[in-house]
Each structure stands twice: as C-alpha cells, then as structure tokens.
Amino acid sequence: MPAKKKAATKKQAPAGRKMIVAHNVNVPGYTHKVDATMYDAMRKAMLKMLPRKAPGMTQAEMWQGVAAYAPKTLFPDSGKIGWWMKTVQLDLEARKVLVREQTKPLRWHRK
C-alpha cells in the first residue's frame, strides 16, 4: 500500500516581518519571497558600487564591493553576503535594472 503524501505547507513569515517577491532572470516566471529589510540593504549596496556603463564588474569584484558597502548590522560576517548578492542580482536583472554583459568572465553594470 503506497504511503500517503503529506500536504505541502508554505513557510510563513514571522509576524511583523515584511517580505518582498524576488524574480530570477534565469528561470522566467519563478519567484520567491525574501526578507524585505535584507533585500533592500543588499540592493542599496549593489546599486551604490556597480558602474553605470560597461565594462561592469565580475561576480568576484561585485562580492568584494558589496562586502564593503553591506551594513554590518545585517551582515555581520561574510557568510550570507554571497547568497543575498546573487538573489538581488538575479532579481535586478529580471527587472531590467542591471545588464549582464556577454563577456568572459561575465560582468554586470547598471542600466
């Protein structure tokens, strides 16, 4: 007899925690909810240090720049910076705020 499948439950945000929908340019139509405070802080840090035109920054250069601009209160160590940087970068690309240059290695700049 096959086992019964449990109904999938959605994770709920803790009460009072504001969430924002993030898109993924690599998977059109896919979205997920992320913490709005963390997202906004990383977005501001990225837009502050990314150049307005080509040549942009590589992912390694972006990581170093964001590490310097990300608020230490939200990102006390570098453990979460990479995940948040990539999440925001993919979302901003999907929203056409960032441009991915067709270079090797890949580079990004603001639109």
PDB file of N, CA and C in Angstrom:
ATOM      1  N   MET A   1       0.846  -1.171   0.000  1.00  0.00           N
ATOM      2  CA  MET A   1       0.000   0.000   0.000  1.00  0.00           C
ATOM      3  C   MET A   1       0.897   1.242   0.000  1.00  0.00           C
ATOM      4  N   PRO A   2       0.699   2.173  -0.961  1.00  0.00           N
ATOM      5  CA  PRO A   2       1.541   3.370  -1.028  1.00  0.00           C
ATOM      6  C   PRO A   2       1.308   4.278   0.176  1.00  0.00           C
ATOM      7  N   ALA A   3       2.383   4.932   0.583  1.00  0.00           N
ATOM      8  CA  ALA A   3       2.293   5.869   1.709  1.00  0.00           C
ATOM      9  C   ALA A   3       1.535   7.117   1.280  1.00  0.00           C
ATOM     10  N   LYS A   4       0.788   7.672   2.209  1.00  0.00           N
ATOM     11  CA  LYS A   4       0.063   8.911   1.918  1.00  0.00           C
ATOM     12  C   LYS A   4       1.042  10.064   1.863  1.00  0.00           C
ATOM     13  N   LYS A   5       0.819  10.932   0.906  1.00  0.00           N
ATOM     14  CA  LYS A   5       1.651  12.132   0.795  1.00  0.00           C
ATOM     15  C   LYS A   5       1.102  13.193   1.723  1.00  0.00           C
ATOM     16  N   LYS A   6       2.012  13.845   2.418  1.00  0.00           N
ATOM     17  CA  LYS A   6       1.598  14.950   3.264  1.00  0.00           C
ATOM     18  C   LYS A   6       1.363  16.172   2.405  1.00  0.00           C
ATOM     19  N   ALA A   7       0.395  16.959   2.763  1.00  0.00           N
ATOM     20  CA  ALA A   7       0.122  18.202   2.038  1.00  0.00           C
ATOM     21  C   ALA A   7       1.291  19.152   2.260  1.00  0.00           C
ATOM     22  N   ALA A   8       1.739  19.761   1.186  1.00  0.00           N
ATOM     23  CA  ALA A   8       2.838  20.720   1.288  1.00  0.00           C
ATOM     24  C   ALA A   8       2.368  21.956   2.040  1.00  0.00           C
ATOM     25  N   THR A   9       3.170  22.375   2.988  1.00  0.00           N
ATOM     26  CA  THR A   9       2.826  23.576   3.726  1.00  0.00           C
ATOM     27  C   THR A   9       3.795  24.676   3.349  1.00  0.00           C
ATOM     28  N   LYS A  10       3.273  25.864   3.152  1.00  0.00           N
ATOM     29  CA  LYS A  10       4.116  27.011   2.831  1.00  0.00           C
ATOM     30  C   LYS A  10       4.693  27.574   4.108  1.00  0.00           C
ATOM     31  N   LYS A  11       5.941  27.970   4.038  1.00  0.00           N
ATOM     32  CA  LYS A  11       6.552  28.609   5.190  1.00  0.00           C
ATOM     33  C   LYS A  11       5.947  29.996   5.347  1.00  0.00           C
ATOM     34  N   GLN A  12       5.580  30.300   6.543  1.00  0.00           N
ATOM     35  CA  GLN A  12       5.006  31.607   6.836  1.00  0.00           C
ATOM     36  C   GLN A  12       6.079  32.499   7.455  1.00  0.00           C
ATOM     37  N   ALA A  13       6.063  33.740   7.092  1.00  0.00           N
ATOM     38  CA  ALA A  13       6.993  34.699   7.680  1.00  0.00           C
ATOM     39  C   ALA A  13       6.557  34.986   9.100  1.00  0.00           C
ATOM     40  N   PRO A  14       7.518  35.171   9.994  1.00  0.00           N
ATOM     41  CA  PRO A  14       7.151  35.539  11.366  1.00  0.00           C
ATOM     42  C   PRO A  14       6.306  36.817  11.363  1.00  0.00           C
ATOM     43  N   ALA A  15       5.427  36.916  12.334  1.00  0.00           N
ATOM     44  CA  ALA A  15       4.542  38.084  12.421  1.00  0.00           C
ATOM     45  C   ALA A  15       5.357  39.370  12.444  1.00  0.00           C
ATOM     46  N   GLY A  16       4.950  40.333  11.642  1.00  0.00           N
ATOM     47  CA  GLY A  16       5.621  41.625  11.596  1.00  0.00           C
ATOM     48  C   GLY A  16       6.807  41.685  10.651  1.00  0.00           C
ATOM     49  N   ARG A  17       7.190  40.591  10.060  1.00  0.00           N
ATOM     50  CA  ARG A  17       8.328  40.571   9.141  1.00  0.00           C
ATOM     51  C   ARG A  17       7.832  40.842   7.725  1.00  0.00           C
ATOM     52  N   LYS A  18       8.353  41.871   7.110  1.00  0.00           N
ATOM     53  CA  LYS A  18       7.930  42.258   5.764  1.00  0.00           C
ATOM     54  C   LYS A  18       8.704  41.444   4.736  1.00  0.00           C
ATOM     55  N   MET A  19       7.998  40.948   3.733  1.00  0.00           N
ATOM     56  CA  MET A  19       8.605  40.131   2.685  1.00  0.00           C
ATOM     57  C   MET A  19       8.453  40.848   1.341  1.00  0.00           C
ATOM     58  N   ILE A  20       9.328  40.485   0.402  1.00  0.00           N
ATOM     59  CA  ILE A  20       9.294  41.045  -0.949  1.00  0.00           C
ATOM     60  C   ILE A  20       9.445  39.888  -1.935  1.00  0.00           C
ATOM     61  N   VAL A  21       8.841  40.016  -3.100  1.00  0.00           N
ATOM     62  CA  VAL A  21       8.929  38.973  -4.124  1.00  0.00           C
ATOM     63  C   VAL A  21      10.170  39.212  -4.975  1.00  0.00           C
ATOM     64  N   ALA A  22      11.021  38.190  -5.067  1.00  0.00           N
ATOM     65  CA  ALA A  22      12.234  38.262  -5.894  1.00  0.00           C
ATOM     66  C   ALA A  22      12.044  37.372  -7.114  1.00  0.00           C
ATOM     67  N   HIS A  23      12.489  37.860  -8.254  1.00  0.00           N
ATOM     68  CA  HIS A  23      12.402  37.127  -9.520  1.00  0.00           C
ATOM     69  C   HIS A  23      13.765  36.531  -9.858  1.00  0.00           C
ATOM     70  N   ASN A  24      13.776  35.606 -10.817  1.00  0.00           N
ATOM     71  CA  ASN A  24      15.025  35.002 -11.258  1.00  0.00           C
ATOM     72  C   ASN A  24      15.078  35.089 -12.775  1.00  0.00           C
ATOM     73  N   VAL A  25      16.028  35.856 -13.298  1.00  0.00           N
ATOM     74  CA  VAL A  25      16.136  36.055 -14.740  1.00  0.00           C
ATOM     75  C   VAL A  25      16.426  34.739 -15.471  1.00  0.00           C
ATOM     76  N   ASN A  26      17.066  33.789 -14.801  1.00  0.00           N
ATOM     77  CA  ASN A  26      17.410  32.511 -15.431  1.00  0.00           C
ATOM     78  C   ASN A  26      16.237  31.551 -15.503  1.00  0.00           C
ATOM     79  N   VAL A  27      15.196  31.782 -14.706  1.00  0.00           N
ATOM     80  CA  VAL A  27      14.006  30.926 -14.698  1.00  0.00           C
ATOM     81  C   VAL A  27      12.790  31.842 -14.768  1.00  0.00           C
ATOM     82  N   PRO A  28      12.423  32.292 -15.967  1.00  0.00           N
ATOM     83  CA  PRO A  28      11.293  33.221 -16.099  1.00  0.00           C
ATOM     84  C   PRO A  28      10.027  32.665 -15.457  1.00  0.00           C
ATOM     85  N   GLY A  29       9.347  33.521 -14.723  1.00  0.00           N
ATOM     86  CA  GLY A  29       8.114  33.120 -14.058  1.00  0.00           C
ATOM     87  C   GLY A  29       8.322  32.595 -12.650  1.00  0.00           C
ATOM     88  N   TYR A  30       9.560  32.250 -12.280  1.00  0.00           N
ATOM     89  CA  TYR A  30       9.832  31.748 -10.932  1.00  0.00           C
ATOM     90  C   TYR A  30      10.053  32.920  -9.988  1.00  0.00           C
ATOM     91  N   THR A  31       9.354  32.906  -8.888  1.00  0.00           N
ATOM     92  CA  THR A  31       9.532  33.937  -7.863  1.00  0.00           C
ATOM     93  C   THR A  31       9.600  33.265  -6.502  1.00  0.00           C
ATOM     94  N   HIS A  32      10.168  33.965  -5.555  1.00  0.00           N
ATOM     95  CA  HIS A  32      10.146  33.511  -4.171  1.00  0.00           C
ATOM     96  C   HIS A  32      10.175  34.735  -3.268  1.00  0.00           C
ATOM     97  N   LYS A  33       9.673  34.557  -2.064  1.00  0.00           N
ATOM     98  CA  LYS A  33       9.615  35.669  -1.118  1.00  0.00           C
ATOM     99  C   LYS A  33      10.865  35.667  -0.244  1.00  0.00           C
ATOM    100  N   VAL A  34      11.409  36.864  -0.062  1.00  0.00           N
ATOM    101  CA  VAL A  34      12.589  37.035   0.777  1.00  0.00           C
ATOM    102  C   VAL A  34      12.353  38.203   1.733  1.00  0.00           C
ATOM    103  N   ASP A  35      13.153  38.265   2.765  1.00  0.00           N
ATOM    104  CA  ASP A  35      13.054  39.325   3.759  1.00  0.00           C
ATOM    105  C   ASP A  35      13.306  40.687   3.101  1.00  0.00           C
ATOM    106  N   ALA A  36      12.379  41.599   3.255  1.00  0.00           N
ATOM    107  CA  ALA A  36      12.464  42.912   2.593  1.00  0.00           C
ATOM    108  C   ALA A  36      13.608  43.762   3.133  1.00  0.00           C
ATOM    109  N   THR A  37      13.881  43.704   4.426  1.00  0.00           N
ATOM    110  CA  THR A  37      14.954  44.506   5.013  1.00  0.00           C
ATOM    111  C   THR A  37      16.309  44.083   4.466  1.00  0.00           C
ATOM    112  N   MET A  38      16.548  42.780   4.426  1.00  0.00           N
ATOM    113  CA  MET A  38      17.815  42.252   3.906  1.00  0.00           C
ATOM    114  C   MET A  38      17.947  42.567   2.410  1.00  0.00           C
ATOM    115  N   TYR A  39      16.849  42.367   1.665  1.00  0.00           N
ATOM    116  CA  TYR A  39      16.856  42.634   0.231  1.00  0.00           C
ATOM    117  C   TYR A  39      17.185  44.104  -0.046  1.00  0.00           C
ATOM    118  N   ASP A  40      16.492  45.008   0.642  1.00  0.00           N
ATOM    119  CA  ASP A  40      16.695  46.443   0.416  1.00  0.00           C
ATOM    120  C   ASP A  40      18.125  46.875   0.746  1.00  0.00           C
ATOM    121  N   ALA A  41      18.673  46.336   1.827  1.00  0.00           N
ATOM    122  CA  ALA A  41      20.046  46.689   2.210  1.00  0.00           C
ATOM    123  C   ALA A  41      21.039  46.221   1.142  1.00  0.00           C
ATOM    124  N   MET A  42      20.857  45.005   0.634  1.00  0.00           N
ATOM    125  CA  MET A  42      21.772  44.489  -0.394  1.00  0.00           C
ATOM    126  C   MET A  42      21.573  45.232  -1.709  1.00  0.00           C
ATOM    127  N   ARG A  43      20.338  45.572  -2.042  1.00  0.00           N
ATOM    128  CA  ARG A  43      20.057  46.318  -3.271  1.00  0.00           C
ATOM    129  C   ARG A  43      20.758  47.674  -3.242  1.00  0.00           C
ATOM    130  N   LYS A  44      20.649  48.376  -2.122  1.00  0.00           N
ATOM    131  CA  LYS A  44      21.299  49.681  -1.999  1.00  0.00           C
ATOM    132  C   LYS A  44      22.817  49.550  -2.123  1.00  0.00           C
ATOM    133  N   ALA A  45      23.376  48.539  -1.478  1.00  0.00           N
ATOM    134  CA  ALA A  45      24.824  48.325  -1.546  1.00  0.00           C
ATOM    135  C   ALA A  45      25.264  48.033  -2.980  1.00  0.00           C
ATOM    136  N   MET A  46      24.515  47.197  -3.692  1.00  0.00           N
ATOM    137  CA  MET A  46      24.881  46.847  -5.067  1.00  0.00           C
ATOM    138  C   MET A  46      24.779  48.052  -5.994  1.00  0.00           C
ATOM    139  N   LEU A  47      23.688  48.792  -5.888  1.00  0.00           N
ATOM    140  CA  LEU A  47      23.498  49.929  -6.788  1.00  0.00           C
ATOM    141  C   LEU A  47      24.491  51.050  -6.496  1.00  0.00           C
ATOM    142  N   LYS A  48      24.970  51.121  -5.270  1.00  0.00           N
ATOM    143  CA  LYS A  48      25.938  52.144  -4.892  1.00  0.00           C
ATOM    144  C   LYS A  48      27.297  51.884  -5.542  1.00  0.00           C
ATOM    145  N   MET A  49      27.684  50.608  -5.656  1.00  0.00           N
ATOM    146  CA  MET A  49      29.039  50.333  -6.128  1.00  0.00           C
ATOM    147  C   MET A  49      29.128  49.840  -7.580  1.00  0.00           C
ATOM    148  N   LEU A  50      28.023  49.444  -8.190  1.00  0.00           N
ATOM    149  CA  LEU A  50      28.089  48.986  -9.582  1.00  0.00           C
ATOM    150  C   LEU A  50      28.206  50.163 -10.544  1.00  0.00           C
ATOM    151  N   PRO A  51      29.053  50.028 -11.576  1.00  0.00           N
ATOM    152  CA  PRO A  51      29.199  51.117 -12.544  1.00  0.00           C
ATOM    153  C   PRO A  51      27.947  51.276 -13.407  1.00  0.00           C
ATOM    154  N   ARG A  52      27.778  52.485 -13.939  1.00  0.00           N
ATOM    155  CA  ARG A  52      26.612  52.777 -14.781  1.00  0.00           C
ATOM    156  C   ARG A  52      26.767  52.280 -16.211  1.00  0.00           C
ATOM    157  N   LYS A  53      27.980  52.044 -16.661  1.00  0.00           N
ATOM    158  CA  LYS A  53      28.163  51.548 -18.027  1.00  0.00           C
ATOM    159  C   LYS A  53      29.302  50.546 -18.091  1.00  0.00           C
ATOM    160  N   ALA A  54      29.409  49.886 -19.232  1.00  0.00           N
ATOM    161  CA  ALA A  54      30.440  48.865 -19.441  1.00  0.00           C
ATOM    162  C   ALA A  54      31.814  49.507 -19.418  1.00  0.00           C
ATOM    163  N   PRO A  55      32.864  48.838 -19.027  1.00  0.00           N
ATOM    164  CA  PRO A  55      32.824  47.460 -18.539  1.00  0.00           C
ATOM    165  C   PRO A  55      32.327  47.425 -17.108  1.00  0.00           C
ATOM    166  N   GLY A  56      31.507  46.436 -16.820  1.00  0.00           N
ATOM    167  CA  GLY A  56      30.946  46.294 -15.485  1.00  0.00           C
ATOM    168  C   GLY A  56      31.891  45.570 -14.557  1.00  0.00           C
ATOM    169  N   MET A  57      31.315  44.919 -13.574  1.00  0.00           N
ATOM    170  CA  MET A  57      32.104  44.196 -12.581  1.00  0.00           C
ATOM    171  C   MET A  57      31.851  42.703 -12.705  1.00  0.00           C
ATOM    172  N   THR A  58      32.896  41.918 -12.463  1.00  0.00           N
ATOM    173  CA  THR A  58      32.727  40.469 -12.421  1.00  0.00           C
ATOM    174  C   THR A  58      32.036  40.101 -11.115  1.00  0.00           C
ATOM    175  N   GLN A  59      31.636  38.844 -11.000  1.00  0.00           N
ATOM    176  CA  GLN A  59      30.977  38.422  -9.778  1.00  0.00           C
ATOM    177  C   GLN A  59      31.919  38.545  -8.577  1.00  0.00           C
ATOM    178  N   ALA A  60      33.189  38.210  -8.752  1.00  0.00           N
ATOM    179  CA  ALA A  60      34.157  38.326  -7.656  1.00  0.00           C
ATOM    180  C   ALA A  60      34.342  39.789  -7.243  1.00  0.00           C
ATOM    181  N   GLU A  61      34.415  40.680  -8.227  1.00  0.00           N
ATOM    182  CA  GLU A  61      34.552  42.111  -7.929  1.00  0.00           C
ATOM    183  C   GLU A  61      33.303  42.642  -7.226  1.00  0.00           C
ATOM    184  N   MET A  62      32.139  42.160  -7.685  1.00  0.00           N
ATOM    185  CA  MET A  62      30.878  42.567  -7.064  1.00  0.00           C
ATOM    186  C   MET A  62      30.854  42.125  -5.602  1.00  0.00           C
ATOM    187  N   TRP A  63      31.278  40.898  -5.335  1.00  0.00           N
ATOM    188  CA  TRP A  63      31.273  40.367  -3.977  1.00  0.00           C
ATOM    189  C   TRP A  63      32.158  41.212  -3.071  1.00  0.00           C
ATOM    190  N   GLN A  64      33.333  41.567  -3.542  1.00  0.00           N
ATOM    191  CA  GLN A  64      34.241  42.398  -2.738  1.00  0.00           C
ATOM    192  C   GLN A  64      33.644  43.774  -2.473  1.00  0.00           C
ATOM    193  N   GLY A  65      33.034  44.356  -3.505  1.00  0.00           N
ATOM    194  CA  GLY A  65      32.423  45.677  -3.351  1.00  0.00           C
ATOM    195  C   GLY A  65      31.241  45.660  -2.410  1.00  0.00           C
ATOM    196  N   VAL A  66      30.403  44.663  -2.551  1.00  0.00           N
ATOM    197  CA  VAL A  66      29.221  44.562  -1.705  1.00  0.00           C
ATOM    198  C   VAL A  66      29.629  44.321  -0.258  1.00  0.00           C
ATOM    199  N   ALA A  67      30.659  43.522  -0.039  1.00  0.00           N
ATOM    200  CA  ALA A  67      31.129  43.244   1.326  1.00  0.00           C
ATOM    201  C   ALA A  67      31.526  44.541   2.031  1.00  0.00           C
ATOM    202  N   ALA A  68      32.045  45.493   1.281  1.00  0.00           N
ATOM    203  CA  ALA A  68      32.454  46.775   1.867  1.00  0.00           C
ATOM    204  C   ALA A  68      31.251  47.682   2.151  1.00  0.00           C
ATOM    205  N   TYR A  69      30.213  47.614   1.313  1.00  0.00           N
ATOM    206  CA  TYR A  69      29.058  48.505   1.440  1.00  0.00           C
ATOM    207  C   TYR A  69      27.896  47.928   2.253  1.00  0.00           C
ATOM    208  N   ALA A  70      27.823  46.609   2.400  1.00  0.00           N
ATOM    209  CA  ALA A  70      26.703  45.993   3.125  1.00  0.00           C
ATOM    210  C   ALA A  70      26.755  46.379   4.603  1.00  0.00           C
ATOM    211  N   PRO A  71      25.615  46.747   5.188  1.00  0.00           N
ATOM    212  CA  PRO A  71      25.614  47.145   6.594  1.00  0.00           C
ATOM    213  C   PRO A  71      26.004  45.981   7.510  1.00  0.00           C
ATOM    214  N   LYS A  72      26.943  46.249   8.394  1.00  0.00           N
ATOM    215  CA  LYS A  72      27.454  45.201   9.294  1.00  0.00           C
ATOM    216  C   LYS A  72      26.388  44.745  10.298  1.00  0.00           C
ATOM    217  N   THR A  73      25.392  45.572  10.545  1.00  0.00           N
ATOM    218  CA  THR A  73      24.329  45.170  11.469  1.00  0.00           C
ATOM    219  C   THR A  73      23.496  44.028  10.897  1.00  0.00           C
ATOM    220  N   LEU A  74      23.290  44.024   9.571  1.00  0.00           N
ATOM    221  CA  LEU A  74      22.522  42.962   8.923  1.00  0.00           C
ATOM    222  C   LEU A  74      23.414  41.830   8.417  1.00  0.00           C
ATOM    223  N   PHE A  75      24.627  42.162   8.044  1.00  0.00           N
ATOM    224  CA  PHE A  75      25.571  41.176   7.505  1.00  0.00           C
ATOM    225  C   PHE A  75      26.857  41.220   8.334  1.00  0.00           C
ATOM    226  N   PRO A  76      26.809  40.703   9.582  1.00  0.00           N
ATOM    227  CA  PRO A  76      27.976  40.814  10.470  1.00  0.00           C
ATOM    228  C   PRO A  76      29.195  40.025   9.991  1.00  0.00           C
ATOM    229  N   ASP A  77      28.971  38.952   9.271  1.00  0.00           N
ATOM    230  CA  ASP A  77      30.082  38.212   8.684  1.00  0.00           C
ATOM    231  C   ASP A  77      29.775  37.999   7.212  1.00  0.00           C
ATOM    232  N   SER A  78      30.714  37.466   6.482  1.00  0.00           N
ATOM    233  CA  SER A  78      30.525  37.333   5.031  1.00  0.00           C
ATOM    234  C   SER A  78      29.709  36.106   4.652  1.00  0.00           C
ATOM    235  N   GLY A  79      29.220  35.360   5.602  1.00  0.00           N
ATOM    236  CA  GLY A  79      28.501  34.119   5.320  1.00  0.00           C
ATOM    237  C   GLY A  79      27.260  34.270   4.462  1.00  0.00           C
ATOM    238  N   LYS A  80      26.489  35.307   4.673  1.00  0.00           N
ATOM    239  CA  LYS A  80      25.227  35.473   3.944  1.00  0.00           C
ATOM    240  C   LYS A  80      25.338  36.431   2.770  1.00  0.00           C
ATOM    241  N   ILE A  81      26.434  37.124   2.659  1.00  0.00           N
ATOM    242  CA  ILE A  81      26.569  38.138   1.611  1.00  0.00           C
ATOM    243  C   ILE A  81      26.436  37.549   0.220  1.00  0.00           C
ATOM    244  N   GLY A  82      27.085  36.429  -0.039  1.00  0.00           N
ATOM    245  CA  GLY A  82      27.060  35.823  -1.370  1.00  0.00           C
ATOM    246  C   GLY A  82      25.663  35.435  -1.814  1.00  0.00           C
ATOM    247  N   TRP A  83      24.884  34.803  -0.919  1.00  0.00           N
ATOM    248  CA  TRP A  83      23.530  34.388  -1.272  1.00  0.00           C
ATOM    249  C   TRP A  83      22.654  35.601  -1.553  1.00  0.00           C
ATOM    250  N   TRP A  84      22.710  36.605  -0.700  1.00  0.00           N
ATOM    251  CA  TRP A  84      21.891  37.796  -0.894  1.00  0.00           C
ATOM    252  C   TRP A  84      22.319  38.570  -2.124  1.00  0.00           C
ATOM    253  N   MET A  85      23.623  38.648  -2.380  1.00  0.00           N
ATOM    254  CA  MET A  85      24.110  39.352  -3.569  1.00  0.00           C
ATOM    255  C   MET A  85      23.566  38.691  -4.831  1.00  0.00           C
ATOM    256  N   LYS A  86      23.643  37.354  -4.903  1.00  0.00           N
ATOM    257  CA  LYS A  86      23.180  36.643  -6.099  1.00  0.00           C
ATOM    258  C   LYS A  86      21.665  36.764  -6.246  1.00  0.00           C
ATOM    259  N   THR A  87      20.923  36.665  -5.152  1.00  0.00           N
ATOM    260  CA  THR A  87      19.465  36.793  -5.205  1.00  0.00           C
ATOM    261  C   THR A  87      19.059  38.161  -5.734  1.00  0.00           C
ATOM    262  N   VAL A  88      19.671  39.201  -5.216  1.00  0.00           N
ATOM    263  CA  VAL A  88      19.352  40.563  -5.643  1.00  0.00           C
ATOM    264  C   VAL A  88      19.813  40.794  -7.077  1.00  0.00           C
ATOM    265  N   GLN A  89      20.991  40.283  -7.435  1.00  0.00           N
ATOM    266  CA  GLN A  89      21.499  40.454  -8.799  1.00  0.00           C
ATOM    267  C   GLN A  89      20.552  39.814  -9.826  1.00  0.00           C
ATOM    268  N   LEU A  90      20.103  38.593  -9.565  1.00  0.00           N
ATOM    269  CA  LEU A  90      19.180  37.920 -10.490  1.00  0.00           C
ATOM    270  C   LEU A  90      17.848  38.652 -10.570  1.00  0.00           C
ATOM    271  N   ASP A  91      17.371  39.163  -9.433  1.00  0.00           N
ATOM    272  CA  ASP A  91      16.117  39.903  -9.418  1.00  0.00           C
ATOM    273  C   ASP A  91      16.246  41.213 -10.194  1.00  0.00           C
ATOM    274  N   LEU A  92      17.322  41.946  -9.961  1.00  0.00           N
ATOM    275  CA  LEU A  92      17.513  43.220 -10.662  1.00  0.00           C
ATOM    276  C   LEU A  92      17.707  43.017 -12.162  1.00  0.00           C
ATOM    277  N   GLU A  93      18.323  41.916 -12.544  1.00  0.00           N
ATOM    278  CA  GLU A  93      18.414  41.599 -13.976  1.00  0.00           C
ATOM    279  C   GLU A  93      17.029  41.344 -14.553  1.00  0.00           C
ATOM    280  N   ALA A  94      16.210  40.585 -13.836  1.00  0.00           N
ATOM    281  CA  ALA A  94      14.853  40.280 -14.303  1.00  0.00           C
ATOM    282  C   ALA A  94      14.017  41.549 -14.415  1.00  0.00           C
ATOM    283  N   ARG A  95      14.270  42.511 -13.550  1.00  0.00           N
ATOM    284  CA  ARG A  95      13.535  43.778 -13.566  1.00  0.00           C
ATOM    285  C   ARG A  95      14.175  44.808 -14.506  1.00  0.00           C
ATOM    286  N   LYS A  96      15.238  44.396 -15.189  1.00  0.00           N
ATOM    287  CA  LYS A  96      15.946  45.226 -16.179  1.00  0.00           C
ATOM    288  C   LYS A  96      16.596  46.462 -15.554  1.00  0.00           C
ATOM    289  N   VAL A  97      17.068  46.308 -14.319  1.00  0.00           N
ATOM    290  CA  VAL A  97      17.818  47.367 -13.651  1.00  0.00           C
ATOM    291  C   VAL A  97      19.313  47.144 -13.873  1.00  0.00           C
ATOM    292  N   LEU A  98      19.715  45.879 -13.970  1.00  0.00           N
ATOM    293  CA  LEU A  98      21.103  45.505 -14.263  1.00  0.00           C
ATOM    294  C   LEU A  98      21.192  44.891 -15.642  1.00  0.00           C
ATOM    295  N   VAL A  99      22.365  45.035 -16.251  1.00  0.00           N
ATOM    296  CA  VAL A  99      22.631  44.450 -17.564  1.00  0.00           C
ATOM    297  C   VAL A  99      23.764  43.441 -17.416  1.00  0.00           C
ATOM    298  N   ARG A 100      23.562  42.244 -17.953  1.00  0.00           N
ATOM    299  CA  ARG A 100      24.603  41.222 -17.984  1.00  0.00           C
ATOM    300  C   ARG A 100      25.333  41.346 -19.314  1.00  0.00           C
ATOM    301  N   GLU A 101      26.615  41.648 -19.233  1.00  0.00           N
ATOM    302  CA  GLU A 101      27.417  41.778 -20.445  1.00  0.00           C
ATOM    303  C   GLU A 101      27.802  40.388 -20.945  1.00  0.00           C
ATOM    304  N   GLN A 102      27.842  40.231 -22.244  1.00  0.00           N
ATOM    305  CA  GLN A 102      28.203  38.942 -22.838  1.00  0.00           C
ATOM    306  C   GLN A 102      29.712  38.852 -22.995  1.00  0.00           C
ATOM    307  N   THR A 103      30.408  38.769 -21.877  1.00  0.00           N
ATOM    308  CA  THR A 103      31.864  38.693 -21.853  1.00  0.00           C
ATOM    309  C   THR A 103      32.273  37.453 -21.071  1.00  0.00           C
ATOM    310  N   LYS A 104      33.532  37.119 -21.159  1.00  0.00           N
ATOM    311  CA  LYS A 104      34.111  36.039 -20.352  1.00  0.00           C
ATOM    312  C   LYS A 104      35.218  36.668 -19.535  1.00  0.00           C
ATOM    313  N   PRO A 105      35.175  36.678 -18.241  1.00  0.00           N
ATOM    314  CA  PRO A 105      34.058  36.272 -17.390  1.00  0.00           C
ATOM    315  C   PRO A 105      32.899  37.268 -17.490  1.00  0.00           C
ATOM    316  N   LEU A 106      31.735  36.805 -17.056  1.00  0.00           N
ATOM    317  CA  LEU A 106      30.549  37.667 -17.091  1.00  0.00           C
ATOM    318  C   LEU A 106      30.762  38.917 -16.259  1.00  0.00           C
ATOM    319  N   ARG A 107      30.171  40.014 -16.720  1.00  0.00           N
ATOM    320  CA  ARG A 107      30.237  41.288 -15.999  1.00  0.00           C
ATOM    321  C   ARG A 107      28.838  41.886 -15.977  1.00  0.00           C
ATOM    322  N   TRP A 108      28.570  42.696 -14.952  1.00  0.00           N
ATOM    323  CA  TRP A 108      27.287  43.361 -14.796  1.00  0.00           C
ATOM    324  C   TRP A 108      27.498  44.852 -14.572  1.00  0.00           C
ATOM    325  N   HIS A 109      26.553  45.659 -15.063  1.00  0.00           N
ATOM    326  CA  HIS A 109      26.546  47.088 -14.769  1.00  0.00           C
ATOM    327  C   HIS A 109      25.083  47.548 -14.705  1.00  0.00           C
ATOM    328  N   ARG A 110      24.898  48.745 -14.156  1.00  0.00           N
ATOM    329  CA  ARG A 110      23.530  49.289 -14.088  1.00  0.00           C
ATOM    330  C   ARG A 110      23.078  49.716 -15.467  1.00  0.00           C
ATOM    331  N   LYS A 111      21.775  49.714 -15.657  1.00  0.00           N
ATOM    332  CA  LYS A 111      21.203  50.111 -16.941  1.00  0.00           C
ATOM    333  C   LYS A 111      21.100  51.618 -17.011  1.00  0.00           C
TER     334      LYS A 111
END
